[in-house]
Amino acid sequence: MDAFYASAEQAAKPSLRGKPVVVGGLGMRGVVATASYEARRLGVHSAMPMAQARRLAPNAAYLVPRFALYRTVSDQVMELLGRLSPLVEPLSLDEAFVDLEAGGVAEDSVSARAVGEQLRTVIRAVTGLSGSVGLAGSKMLAKIASEEAKPDGLMLIEPGTERELLAPMSVRILPGVGPATGDHLRRAGMTVVSHLADAGEAELVRLLGRAHGVALHRMALGHDDRPVVAERDAKSVSVEDTFDVDLHDRVRVRTEVERLASRCVQRLRGAGRSGRTVVLKVRRYDFSTLTRSETLRGPTDDPTVVREAAARLLEAVDTTGGVRLLGVGVTGLADFTQEDLFAQAADAEHAAGEAAAADIPPDDRDAAEGGATGADDREGEEQPAARRWPAGHDVRHDVHGHGWVQGSGVGRVTVRFEEPWSPPGRVRTFRVDDPELRPADPLPLVRDPEDYSSWPASLPKSLSGPVSEEGEESSP
């Protein structure tokens, strides 16, 4: 999907269409989750500090994420992909691999392109949003093609053209080449993919080690034999918060850790899972990040057990100087729980002193949600009244109907009243405690979507109809 969060917000808010929109955490230490293409032209991009984004695009609309809406749209898109093939591998809310051959809907370049074009049309009709399609013989090349096709396009990499296509591209386009590896290769004189292919496997093994060197050389030649895996089981469930002001009070830090542990267990239970290893993440005032973990006797979804384990892990962390981010996660997921909770808690307490540093990244979607809302999502705390009205979120007024929050502060909240299918609406301001104003659920982005319930029962015409020499369909 193209600039997914920002595009969804523009589709939901007629007054923001064609204007720069930035979605992310709005606190002092917030981070950009997604920027619309209008904002990207001004230099704003994902993972950028929000303060920097505001300097680059002072007149953009800055909104807090609405994950309920994004998940709804994501479910619609994934359901459409599932009709094409039993092998759909989601990568995130807005991206997935699809094995078209396994679904029997494509067997060559012509049929694959036809399905890809029809898919783009159906996604737009059902969700109101645009997506870009990359078609190729492997996951790596399909991913590259989809990025090259953005926004709102389709790119097909013909078999046999892979090396020619990849040759001039930056080495950073290949999976597994991050900033550190890219810098290491640059110092060795390798900046584009053709340099890796020409260097040979032996040289890359010498530079990067056997596993990474062999894999990277194969990818530079256009080879990627990873299958599309339908079930990508989550490895962890986690939540984290970044604080507007460093936390110095040790009691407050512990309270935040326990609150995060409770939220983590809520997500764990919501997914119908349990976990065996509790992970604590602490980012200190100097940006150093510490991760500690404790493995229990068996998997659990008991909030008391997880809270106590996280609190014990905190005791082994020096928070002198201040804490800017905290996170709690659970890994080693299972579909059952350890019934002997008392024995488990005792076993965990015995292991508390053996907690060691571990580099376990949080689940992408959960971490993004926790980090994006940041300090605005303080469950169980007394918050300023303005915090109840996050910018961009939906509201309903008894008189004026559905709208969204443009901003709030000094005891007031400003609302623009409009719906996805209405003209740009009027703006009104209310007291934050106005009894006629209340939060609301997001509206569908498409009011009357076309009926695609039978899609793709009938294959695109280009799959079944004869094709003339000019490449156009001839009449049946």
Protein backbone atom coordinates (compact mmCIF):
# COMPACT_ATOMS: atom_id res chain seq x y z
CA MET A 1 0.00 0.00 0.00
CA ASP A 2 1.19 3.54 -0.80
CA ALA A 3 2.06 5.77 2.22
CA PHE A 4 -0.51 3.65 4.02
CA TYR A 5 -1.30 5.49 7.27
CA ALA A 6 -1.14 8.94 5.68
CA SER A 7 -3.16 7.87 2.62
CA ALA A 8 -5.84 6.39 4.88
CA GLU A 9 -6.04 9.68 6.78
CA GLN A 10 -6.35 11.66 3.55
CA ALA A 11 -9.08 9.31 2.32
CA ALA A 12 -10.95 9.76 5.61
CA LYS A 13 -10.53 13.56 5.73
CA PRO A 14 -11.50 15.39 2.52
CA SER A 15 -9.91 18.64 3.75
CA LEU A 16 -6.45 16.97 3.81
CA ARG A 17 -6.43 15.54 0.29
CA GLY A 18 -3.53 16.87 -1.74
CA LYS A 19 -1.93 18.38 1.35
CA PRO A 20 1.08 17.24 3.40
CA VAL A 21 0.07 14.82 6.18
CA VAL A 22 2.38 13.35 8.83
CA VAL A 23 1.30 10.50 11.12
CA GLY A 24 3.21 9.58 14.26
CA GLY A 25 3.90 10.47 17.88
CA LEU A 26 3.26 14.16 18.49
CA GLY A 27 5.25 14.55 21.72
CA MET A 28 8.65 16.21 21.97
CA ARG A 29 10.28 12.89 21.20
CA GLY A 30 7.72 11.56 18.77
CA VAL A 31 8.78 9.81 15.58
CA VAL A 32 7.21 9.91 12.10
CA ALA A 33 5.38 6.66 11.30
CA THR A 34 4.32 7.64 7.76
CA ALA A 35 4.34 10.80 5.65
CA SER A 36 2.14 11.50 2.66
CA TYR A 37 3.83 11.99 -0.70
CA GLU A 38 3.16 15.73 -0.40
CA ALA A 39 5.13 15.75 2.87
CA ARG A 40 7.88 13.55 1.42
CA ARG A 41 8.52 16.16 -1.25
CA LEU A 42 9.35 18.53 1.61
CA GLY A 43 11.92 16.08 2.99
CA VAL A 44 9.83 14.32 5.65
CA HIS A 45 10.22 10.55 5.89
CA SER A 46 9.38 7.69 8.25
CA ALA A 47 11.51 7.22 11.40
CA MET A 48 12.40 10.94 11.36
CA PRO A 49 12.09 12.78 14.70
CA MET A 50 8.81 14.66 14.72
CA ALA A 51 10.55 17.90 15.75
CA GLN A 52 12.63 17.76 12.56
CA ALA A 53 9.54 17.02 10.47
CA ARG A 54 7.81 20.10 11.88
CA ARG A 55 10.77 22.26 10.85
CA LEU A 56 10.70 20.88 7.31
CA ALA A 57 6.91 20.98 6.91
CA PRO A 58 5.49 23.51 9.41
CA ASN A 59 2.14 23.69 7.61
CA ALA A 60 1.51 19.93 7.39
CA ALA A 61 -1.28 18.20 9.29
CA TYR A 62 0.19 16.21 12.21
CA LEU A 63 -1.97 13.30 13.34
CA VAL A 64 -1.85 10.54 15.96
CA PRO A 65 -2.19 7.04 14.40
CA ARG A 66 -5.61 5.35 14.29
CA PHE A 67 -4.68 1.68 14.28
CA ALA A 68 -8.30 0.54 14.41
CA LEU A 69 -8.82 2.07 10.96
CA TYR A 70 -5.53 0.78 9.55
CA ARG A 71 -6.20 -2.76 10.74
CA THR A 72 -9.69 -2.70 9.19
CA VAL A 73 -8.30 -1.65 5.81
CA SER A 74 -5.44 -4.15 6.14
CA ASP A 75 -7.91 -6.96 6.80
CA GLN A 76 -9.82 -5.98 3.64
CA VAL A 77 -6.67 -6.07 1.51
CA MET A 78 -5.41 -9.34 3.00
CA GLU A 79 -8.80 -10.94 2.38
CA LEU A 80 -8.55 -9.96 -1.30
CA LEU A 81 -5.04 -11.40 -1.52
CA GLY A 82 -6.26 -14.61 0.08
CA ARG A 83 -8.66 -15.09 -2.80
CA LEU A 84 -5.74 -15.17 -5.23
CA SER A 85 -3.72 -17.84 -3.46
CA PRO A 86 -3.58 -19.99 -0.32
CA LEU A 87 0.01 -18.78 0.10
CA VAL A 88 -0.10 -15.20 1.40
CA GLU A 89 2.73 -14.05 3.67
CA PRO A 90 1.95 -10.75 5.43
CA LEU A 91 4.99 -8.64 6.27
CA SER A 92 3.12 -5.85 8.05
CA LEU A 93 -0.28 -4.18 8.00
CA ASP A 94 0.30 -2.86 4.49
CA GLU A 95 2.53 -5.37 2.71
CA ALA A 96 2.46 -9.05 1.77
CA PHE A 97 3.91 -11.65 -0.57
CA VAL A 98 1.48 -13.72 -2.68
CA ASP A 99 2.38 -16.91 -4.56
CA LEU A 100 0.21 -16.51 -7.66
CA GLU A 101 1.26 -19.81 -9.17
CA ALA A 102 0.04 -21.69 -6.07
CA GLY A 103 -3.36 -20.06 -6.55
CA GLY A 104 -3.58 -21.14 -10.17
CA VAL A 105 -4.32 -17.61 -11.36
CA ALA A 106 -1.01 -16.96 -13.15
CA GLU A 107 1.44 -19.13 -15.00
CA ASP A 108 3.41 -16.66 -17.14
CA SER A 109 4.24 -12.97 -17.40
CA VAL A 110 1.10 -12.06 -19.35
CA SER A 111 -1.30 -13.66 -16.90
CA ALA A 112 0.63 -12.36 -13.88
CA ARG A 113 0.49 -8.79 -15.16
CA ALA A 114 -3.24 -9.08 -15.84
CA VAL A 115 -3.91 -10.33 -12.30
CA GLY A 116 -1.71 -7.61 -10.83
CA GLU A 117 -3.55 -4.85 -12.68
CA GLN A 118 -6.93 -6.24 -11.69
CA LEU A 119 -5.80 -6.52 -8.07
CA ARG A 120 -4.88 -2.82 -7.99
CA THR A 121 -8.29 -1.94 -9.38
CA VAL A 122 -10.14 -4.08 -6.84
CA ILE A 123 -8.13 -2.76 -3.88
CA ARG A 124 -8.93 0.83 -4.84
CA ALA A 125 -12.63 0.05 -5.32
CA VAL A 126 -12.94 -1.74 -1.97
CA THR A 127 -10.72 0.44 0.23
CA GLY A 128 -10.45 3.76 -1.59
CA LEU A 129 -6.65 3.53 -1.38
CA SER A 130 -3.92 2.76 -3.89
CA GLY A 131 -1.38 -0.02 -3.76
CA SER A 132 1.67 -0.87 -5.84
CA VAL A 133 2.35 -4.35 -7.20
CA GLY A 134 5.72 -5.94 -7.89
CA LEU A 135 5.74 -9.14 -9.96
CA ALA A 136 8.78 -11.40 -10.21
CA GLY A 137 10.02 -14.95 -9.84
CA SER A 138 11.24 -14.49 -6.25
CA LYS A 139 10.35 -12.66 -3.08
CA MET A 140 13.39 -10.39 -3.15
CA LEU A 141 12.76 -9.24 -6.71
CA ALA A 142 9.01 -8.82 -6.16
CA LYS A 143 9.77 -6.59 -3.15
CA ILE A 144 12.22 -4.50 -5.19
CA ALA A 145 9.71 -4.25 -8.05
CA SER A 146 6.93 -3.04 -5.74
CA GLU A 147 9.20 -0.30 -4.37
CA GLU A 148 10.19 0.75 -7.88
CA ALA A 149 6.51 0.84 -8.89
CA LYS A 150 5.48 3.29 -6.16
CA PRO A 151 3.27 5.17 -6.01
CA ASP A 152 0.20 3.51 -7.51
CA GLY A 153 2.00 1.43 -10.13
CA LEU A 154 2.91 -2.05 -11.28
CA MET A 155 6.32 -3.41 -12.28
CA LEU A 156 7.06 -6.86 -13.68
CA ILE A 157 10.60 -8.22 -13.78
CA GLU A 158 10.85 -10.61 -16.71
CA PRO A 159 12.79 -13.84 -16.10
CA GLY A 160 16.34 -13.51 -17.37
CA THR A 161 16.53 -9.74 -16.82
CA GLU A 162 17.27 -9.87 -13.08
CA ARG A 163 21.03 -9.20 -13.16
CA GLU A 164 20.70 -6.37 -15.67
CA LEU A 165 18.04 -4.71 -13.52
CA LEU A 166 19.90 -5.09 -10.23
CA ALA A 167 23.37 -4.12 -11.51
CA PRO A 168 23.15 -0.31 -11.13
CA MET A 169 21.13 -0.36 -7.91
CA SER A 170 22.61 0.51 -4.52
CA VAL A 171 23.72 -2.46 -2.39
CA ARG A 172 21.28 -1.20 0.26
CA ILE A 173 18.38 -2.48 -1.82
CA LEU A 174 19.31 -6.09 -1.01
CA PRO A 175 17.80 -7.77 2.08
CA GLY A 176 20.22 -7.88 4.98
CA VAL A 177 22.28 -4.86 3.89
CA GLY A 178 21.70 -2.23 6.55
CA PRO A 179 23.69 0.90 7.36
CA ALA A 180 26.58 -0.98 9.01
CA THR A 181 26.98 -3.60 6.27
CA GLY A 182 26.50 -0.95 3.59
CA ASP A 183 29.26 1.19 5.09
CA HIS A 184 31.55 -1.84 5.36
CA LEU A 185 30.99 -2.65 1.67
CA ARG A 186 31.47 1.00 0.68
CA ARG A 187 34.88 1.05 2.33
CA ALA A 188 35.72 -2.04 0.25
CA GLY A 189 34.73 -0.14 -2.90
CA MET A 190 31.36 -1.88 -3.38
CA THR A 191 28.45 0.53 -3.69
CA VAL A 192 26.18 -1.01 -6.35
CA VAL A 193 24.92 -4.57 -6.82
CA SER A 194 27.12 -5.24 -9.85
CA HIS A 195 30.17 -4.72 -7.64
CA LEU A 196 28.99 -7.58 -5.39
CA ALA A 197 28.32 -9.87 -8.34
CA ASP A 198 31.73 -9.13 -9.85
CA ALA A 199 33.60 -9.50 -6.55
CA GLY A 200 32.69 -13.16 -6.29
CA GLU A 201 31.52 -15.31 -3.44
CA ALA A 202 34.97 -15.83 -1.91
CA GLU A 203 35.61 -12.10 -1.50
CA LEU A 204 32.22 -11.48 0.10
CA VAL A 205 32.75 -14.39 2.48
CA ARG A 206 36.10 -12.87 3.45
CA LEU A 207 34.46 -9.50 4.13
CA LEU A 208 31.20 -10.59 5.76
CA GLY A 209 31.57 -14.17 6.90
CA ARG A 210 30.35 -17.36 5.27
CA ALA A 211 26.59 -17.21 5.85
CA HIS A 212 26.14 -13.54 5.02
CA GLY A 213 28.69 -13.52 2.19
CA VAL A 214 27.23 -16.54 0.38
CA ALA A 215 23.66 -15.25 0.72
CA LEU A 216 24.56 -11.76 -0.46
CA HIS A 217 26.41 -13.04 -3.53
CA ARG A 218 23.42 -15.16 -4.53
CA MET A 219 21.09 -12.19 -4.17
CA ALA A 220 23.43 -9.98 -6.20
CA LEU A 221 23.05 -12.54 -9.02
CA GLY A 222 19.27 -12.32 -8.68
CA HIS A 223 18.81 -15.65 -6.87
CA ASP A 224 16.37 -15.99 -3.98
CA ASP A 225 14.75 -19.35 -3.31
CA ARG A 226 12.85 -18.42 -0.14
CA PRO A 227 9.28 -19.77 -0.37
CA VAL A 228 6.15 -17.77 0.39
CA VAL A 229 5.12 -18.96 3.87
CA ALA A 230 1.44 -18.58 4.66
CA GLU A 231 1.79 -18.78 8.44
CA ARG A 232 4.34 -16.35 9.80
CA ASP A 233 3.98 -17.04 13.49
CA ALA A 234 4.70 -14.06 15.71
CA LYS A 235 7.90 -14.47 17.70
CA SER A 236 7.02 -11.93 20.37
CA VAL A 237 4.42 -9.55 21.74
CA SER A 238 5.63 -6.26 23.16
CA VAL A 239 4.74 -2.67 24.01
CA GLU A 240 6.92 0.35 24.61
CA ASP A 241 6.55 4.05 25.38
CA THR A 242 8.82 7.03 24.78
CA PHE A 243 8.45 9.77 27.39
CA ASP A 244 8.33 13.49 26.66
CA VAL A 245 10.54 14.13 29.72
CA ASP A 246 13.17 11.74 31.10
CA LEU A 247 11.95 9.77 34.11
CA HIS A 248 14.23 10.14 37.13
CA ASP A 249 12.00 8.90 39.95
CA ARG A 250 12.74 5.19 40.46
CA VAL A 251 9.23 4.59 41.80
CA ARG A 252 7.71 6.18 38.69
CA VAL A 253 9.92 4.04 36.46
CA ARG A 254 8.76 0.88 38.22
CA THR A 255 5.13 1.98 37.94
CA GLU A 256 5.57 2.50 34.19
CA VAL A 257 7.18 -0.94 33.81
CA GLU A 258 4.27 -2.59 35.61
CA ARG A 259 1.76 -0.68 33.49
CA LEU A 260 3.52 -1.74 30.29
CA ALA A 261 3.59 -5.35 31.51
CA SER A 262 -0.18 -5.27 32.00
CA ARG A 263 -0.69 -3.86 28.50
CA CYS A 264 1.61 -6.51 27.08
CA VAL A 265 -0.41 -9.28 28.69
CA GLN A 266 -3.62 -7.77 27.31
CA ARG A 267 -2.20 -8.06 23.79
CA LEU A 268 -0.87 -11.52 24.55
CA ARG A 269 -4.32 -12.70 25.64
CA GLY A 270 -5.95 -10.91 22.73
CA ALA A 271 -3.84 -13.03 20.41
CA GLY A 272 -4.76 -16.18 22.32
CA ARG A 273 -1.13 -16.80 23.21
CA SER A 274 1.13 -17.21 26.22
CA GLY A 275 4.88 -16.77 26.57
CA ARG A 276 7.80 -18.12 28.49
CA THR A 277 10.39 -15.32 28.39
CA VAL A 278 9.80 -11.80 29.74
CA VAL A 279 11.91 -9.04 28.18
CA LEU A 280 12.57 -5.55 29.55
CA LYS A 281 13.91 -2.76 27.33
CA VAL A 282 15.33 0.46 28.82
CA ARG A 283 16.67 3.38 26.79
CA ARG A 284 18.56 5.77 29.01
CA TYR A 285 19.13 9.52 28.86
CA ASP A 286 22.28 9.06 26.74
CA PHE A 287 20.42 6.91 24.14
CA SER A 288 22.13 3.73 25.33
CA THR A 289 19.67 0.84 25.23
CA LEU A 290 19.71 -2.10 27.61
CA THR A 291 17.69 -5.28 27.19
CA ARG A 292 17.23 -7.83 29.96
CA SER A 293 15.31 -11.10 29.83
CA GLU A 294 14.13 -13.80 32.22
CA THR A 295 12.88 -17.23 31.18
CA LEU A 296 10.12 -18.74 33.31
CA ARG A 297 9.50 -22.41 34.01
CA GLY A 298 6.68 -22.51 31.47
CA PRO A 299 4.52 -20.24 29.29
CA THR A 300 2.10 -17.91 31.03
CA ASP A 301 -0.43 -15.19 30.32
CA ASP A 302 -0.81 -14.22 33.97
CA PRO A 303 -0.40 -10.44 34.42
CA THR A 304 0.95 -10.80 37.96
CA VAL A 305 3.71 -13.16 36.88
CA VAL A 306 4.74 -10.93 33.96
CA ARG A 307 4.62 -7.73 36.05
CA GLU A 308 6.74 -9.26 38.81
CA ALA A 309 9.27 -10.65 36.34
CA ALA A 310 9.58 -7.26 34.60
CA ALA A 311 10.01 -5.53 37.98
CA ARG A 312 12.78 -7.94 38.92
CA LEU A 313 14.55 -7.28 35.64
CA LEU A 314 14.37 -3.55 36.34
CA GLU A 315 16.26 -4.04 39.60
CA ALA A 316 19.30 -5.11 37.55
CA VAL A 317 19.28 -1.92 35.43
CA ASP A 318 20.94 1.35 36.41
CA THR A 319 18.50 4.17 35.63
CA THR A 320 20.67 6.91 37.14
CA GLY A 321 20.55 9.96 34.90
CA GLY A 322 17.07 9.32 33.57
CA VAL A 323 15.04 7.03 31.31
CA ARG A 324 13.56 8.12 27.98
CA LEU A 325 11.99 4.84 26.81
CA LEU A 326 10.66 1.67 28.45
CA GLY A 327 9.36 -1.51 26.89
CA VAL A 328 8.09 -4.87 28.07
CA GLY A 329 7.75 -7.91 25.83
CA VAL A 330 7.06 -11.63 25.98
CA THR A 331 8.77 -14.15 23.71
CA GLY A 332 8.82 -17.92 23.43
CA LEU A 333 5.14 -17.86 22.51
CA ALA A 334 2.86 -20.87 22.91
CA ASP A 335 -0.82 -21.71 22.65
CA PHE A 336 -1.08 -22.99 26.23
CA THR A 337 -0.25 -21.72 29.72
CA GLN A 338 1.71 -23.11 32.63
CA GLU A 339 -0.86 -23.98 35.29
CA ASP A 340 1.51 -24.08 38.28
CA LEU A 341 1.79 -20.31 38.59
CA PHE A 342 3.03 -20.32 42.17
CA ALA A 343 5.88 -22.67 41.34
CA GLN A 344 6.57 -20.65 38.21
CA ALA A 345 6.76 -17.38 40.13
CA ALA A 346 9.12 -18.93 42.66
CA ASP A 347 11.27 -20.37 39.88
CA ALA A 348 11.40 -16.98 38.18
CA GLU A 349 12.41 -15.25 41.39
CA HIS A 350 15.30 -17.70 41.79
CA ALA A 351 16.45 -16.88 38.26
CA ALA A 352 16.21 -13.11 38.71
CA GLY A 353 19.91 -12.68 39.44
CA GLU A 354 20.82 -14.55 36.26
CA ALA A 355 19.04 -12.17 33.89
CA ALA A 356 21.41 -11.30 31.04
CA ALA A 357 21.45 -8.76 28.26
CA ALA A 358 19.66 -9.93 25.14
CA ASP A 359 19.10 -8.35 21.75
CA ILE A 360 15.47 -9.26 21.10
CA PRO A 361 13.65 -6.77 18.90
CA PRO A 362 9.99 -6.10 19.72
CA ASP A 363 7.20 -7.21 17.42
CA ASP A 364 7.10 -4.58 14.65
CA ARG A 365 3.42 -3.75 14.72
CA ASP A 366 3.12 -3.70 18.53
CA ALA A 367 6.26 -1.62 18.94
CA ALA A 368 5.09 0.82 16.27
CA GLU A 369 1.76 1.26 17.99
CA GLY A 370 3.28 1.72 21.41
CA GLY A 371 6.00 4.06 20.18
CA ALA A 372 3.71 6.08 17.96
CA THR A 373 1.22 6.90 20.69
CA GLY A 374 4.04 7.46 23.13
CA ALA A 375 3.22 9.38 26.26
CA ASP A 376 -0.31 10.08 25.00
CA ASP A 377 -1.40 6.58 26.01
CA ARG A 378 -1.02 6.57 29.78
CA GLU A 379 -3.52 3.99 30.98
CA GLY A 380 -4.52 4.35 34.58
CA GLU A 381 -3.00 7.82 35.02
CA GLU A 382 -4.57 11.21 35.51
CA GLN A 383 -4.03 13.07 32.25
CA PRO A 384 -4.66 16.66 31.22
CA ALA A 385 -8.10 17.04 29.68
CA ALA A 386 -6.61 17.86 26.26
CA ARG A 387 -5.01 14.42 26.14
CA ARG A 388 -8.43 12.87 25.70
CA TRP A 389 -8.66 14.33 22.20
CA PRO A 390 -5.70 13.07 20.11
CA ALA A 391 -5.18 15.00 16.88
CA GLY A 392 -6.82 13.21 13.95
CA HIS A 393 -9.03 10.90 15.97
CA ASP A 394 -12.75 10.54 15.36
CA VAL A 395 -15.47 12.26 17.34
CA ARG A 396 -19.24 12.66 17.13
CA HIS A 397 -21.28 15.67 18.20
CA ASP A 398 -24.97 15.38 18.97
CA VAL A 399 -25.75 18.35 16.73
CA HIS A 400 -22.97 18.53 14.14
CA GLY A 401 -22.41 14.83 13.52
CA HIS A 402 -19.13 13.06 12.72
CA GLY A 403 -15.80 14.85 12.71
CA TRP A 404 -12.15 14.63 13.67
CA VAL A 405 -9.93 16.46 16.12
CA GLN A 406 -7.74 19.17 14.58
CA GLY A 407 -6.16 20.06 17.90
CA SER A 408 -6.75 20.63 21.59
CA GLY A 409 -5.36 22.62 24.48
CA VAL A 410 -6.13 25.28 27.08
CA GLY A 411 -9.41 23.54 27.85
CA ARG A 412 -10.62 23.63 24.24
CA VAL A 413 -10.84 21.10 21.40
CA THR A 414 -11.14 22.08 17.73
CA VAL A 415 -13.07 19.72 15.45
CA ARG A 416 -13.56 19.63 11.70
CA PHE A 417 -16.90 18.04 10.80
CA GLU A 418 -16.65 15.99 7.63
CA GLU A 419 -16.95 12.41 6.41
CA PRO A 420 -14.85 10.47 3.88
CA TRP A 421 -17.46 11.00 1.16
CA SER A 422 -18.44 14.61 2.02
CA PRO A 423 -16.93 17.90 0.85
CA PRO A 424 -14.38 19.53 3.19
CA GLY A 425 -16.24 20.43 6.36
CA ARG A 426 -16.53 23.34 8.78
CA VAL A 427 -14.40 23.81 11.88
CA ARG A 428 -15.84 24.42 15.35
CA THR A 429 -14.32 24.71 18.82
CA PHE A 430 -15.76 23.28 22.04
CA ARG A 431 -14.86 22.92 25.67
CA VAL A 432 -12.98 19.66 26.27
CA ASP A 433 -15.74 18.55 28.65
CA ASP A 434 -18.64 19.39 26.30
CA PRO A 435 -21.27 16.73 27.08
CA GLU A 436 -22.44 16.64 23.45
CA LEU A 437 -18.97 15.70 22.13
CA ARG A 438 -17.59 12.19 22.48
CA PRO A 439 -15.03 9.88 20.84
CA ALA A 440 -16.28 7.81 17.89
CA ASP A 441 -15.21 4.86 15.76
CA PRO A 442 -13.66 5.48 12.33
CA LEU A 443 -16.05 5.52 9.38
CA PRO A 444 -15.50 3.27 6.33
CA LEU A 445 -13.35 4.95 3.69
CA VAL A 446 -15.71 3.89 0.90
CA ARG A 447 -19.42 4.53 1.42
CA ASP A 448 -20.82 2.15 -1.18
CA PRO A 449 -18.04 -0.17 -2.37
CA GLU A 450 -18.59 -2.10 -5.58
CA ASP A 451 -19.53 -5.72 -5.14
CA TYR A 452 -16.44 -7.87 -5.69
CA SER A 453 -17.73 -10.80 -3.66
CA SER A 454 -17.23 -13.17 -6.60
CA TRP A 455 -13.76 -11.89 -7.52
CA PRO A 456 -11.68 -13.56 -8.95
CA ALA A 457 -14.14 -16.32 -9.94
CA SER A 458 -13.94 -15.09 -13.53
CA LEU A 459 -10.34 -14.63 -14.62
CA PRO A 460 -9.31 -11.42 -16.36
CA LYS A 461 -10.16 -11.48 -20.06
CA SER A 462 -6.49 -11.37 -20.97
CA LEU A 463 -6.11 -14.80 -19.36
CA SER A 464 -8.83 -16.44 -21.40
CA GLY A 465 -9.41 -14.39 -24.53
CA PRO A 466 -7.22 -14.66 -27.66
CA VAL A 467 -4.57 -11.99 -28.09
CA SER A 468 -3.82 -10.28 -31.38
CA GLU A 469 -0.32 -9.65 -32.75
CA GLU A 470 -0.45 -6.07 -31.42
CA GLY A 471 -0.98 -7.45 -27.90
CA GLU A 472 -4.60 -6.29 -27.63
CA GLU A 473 -7.50 -8.54 -26.84
CA SER A 474 -9.50 -9.68 -29.82
CA SER A 475 -13.24 -10.18 -29.57
CA PRO A 476 -14.33 -13.69 -28.54
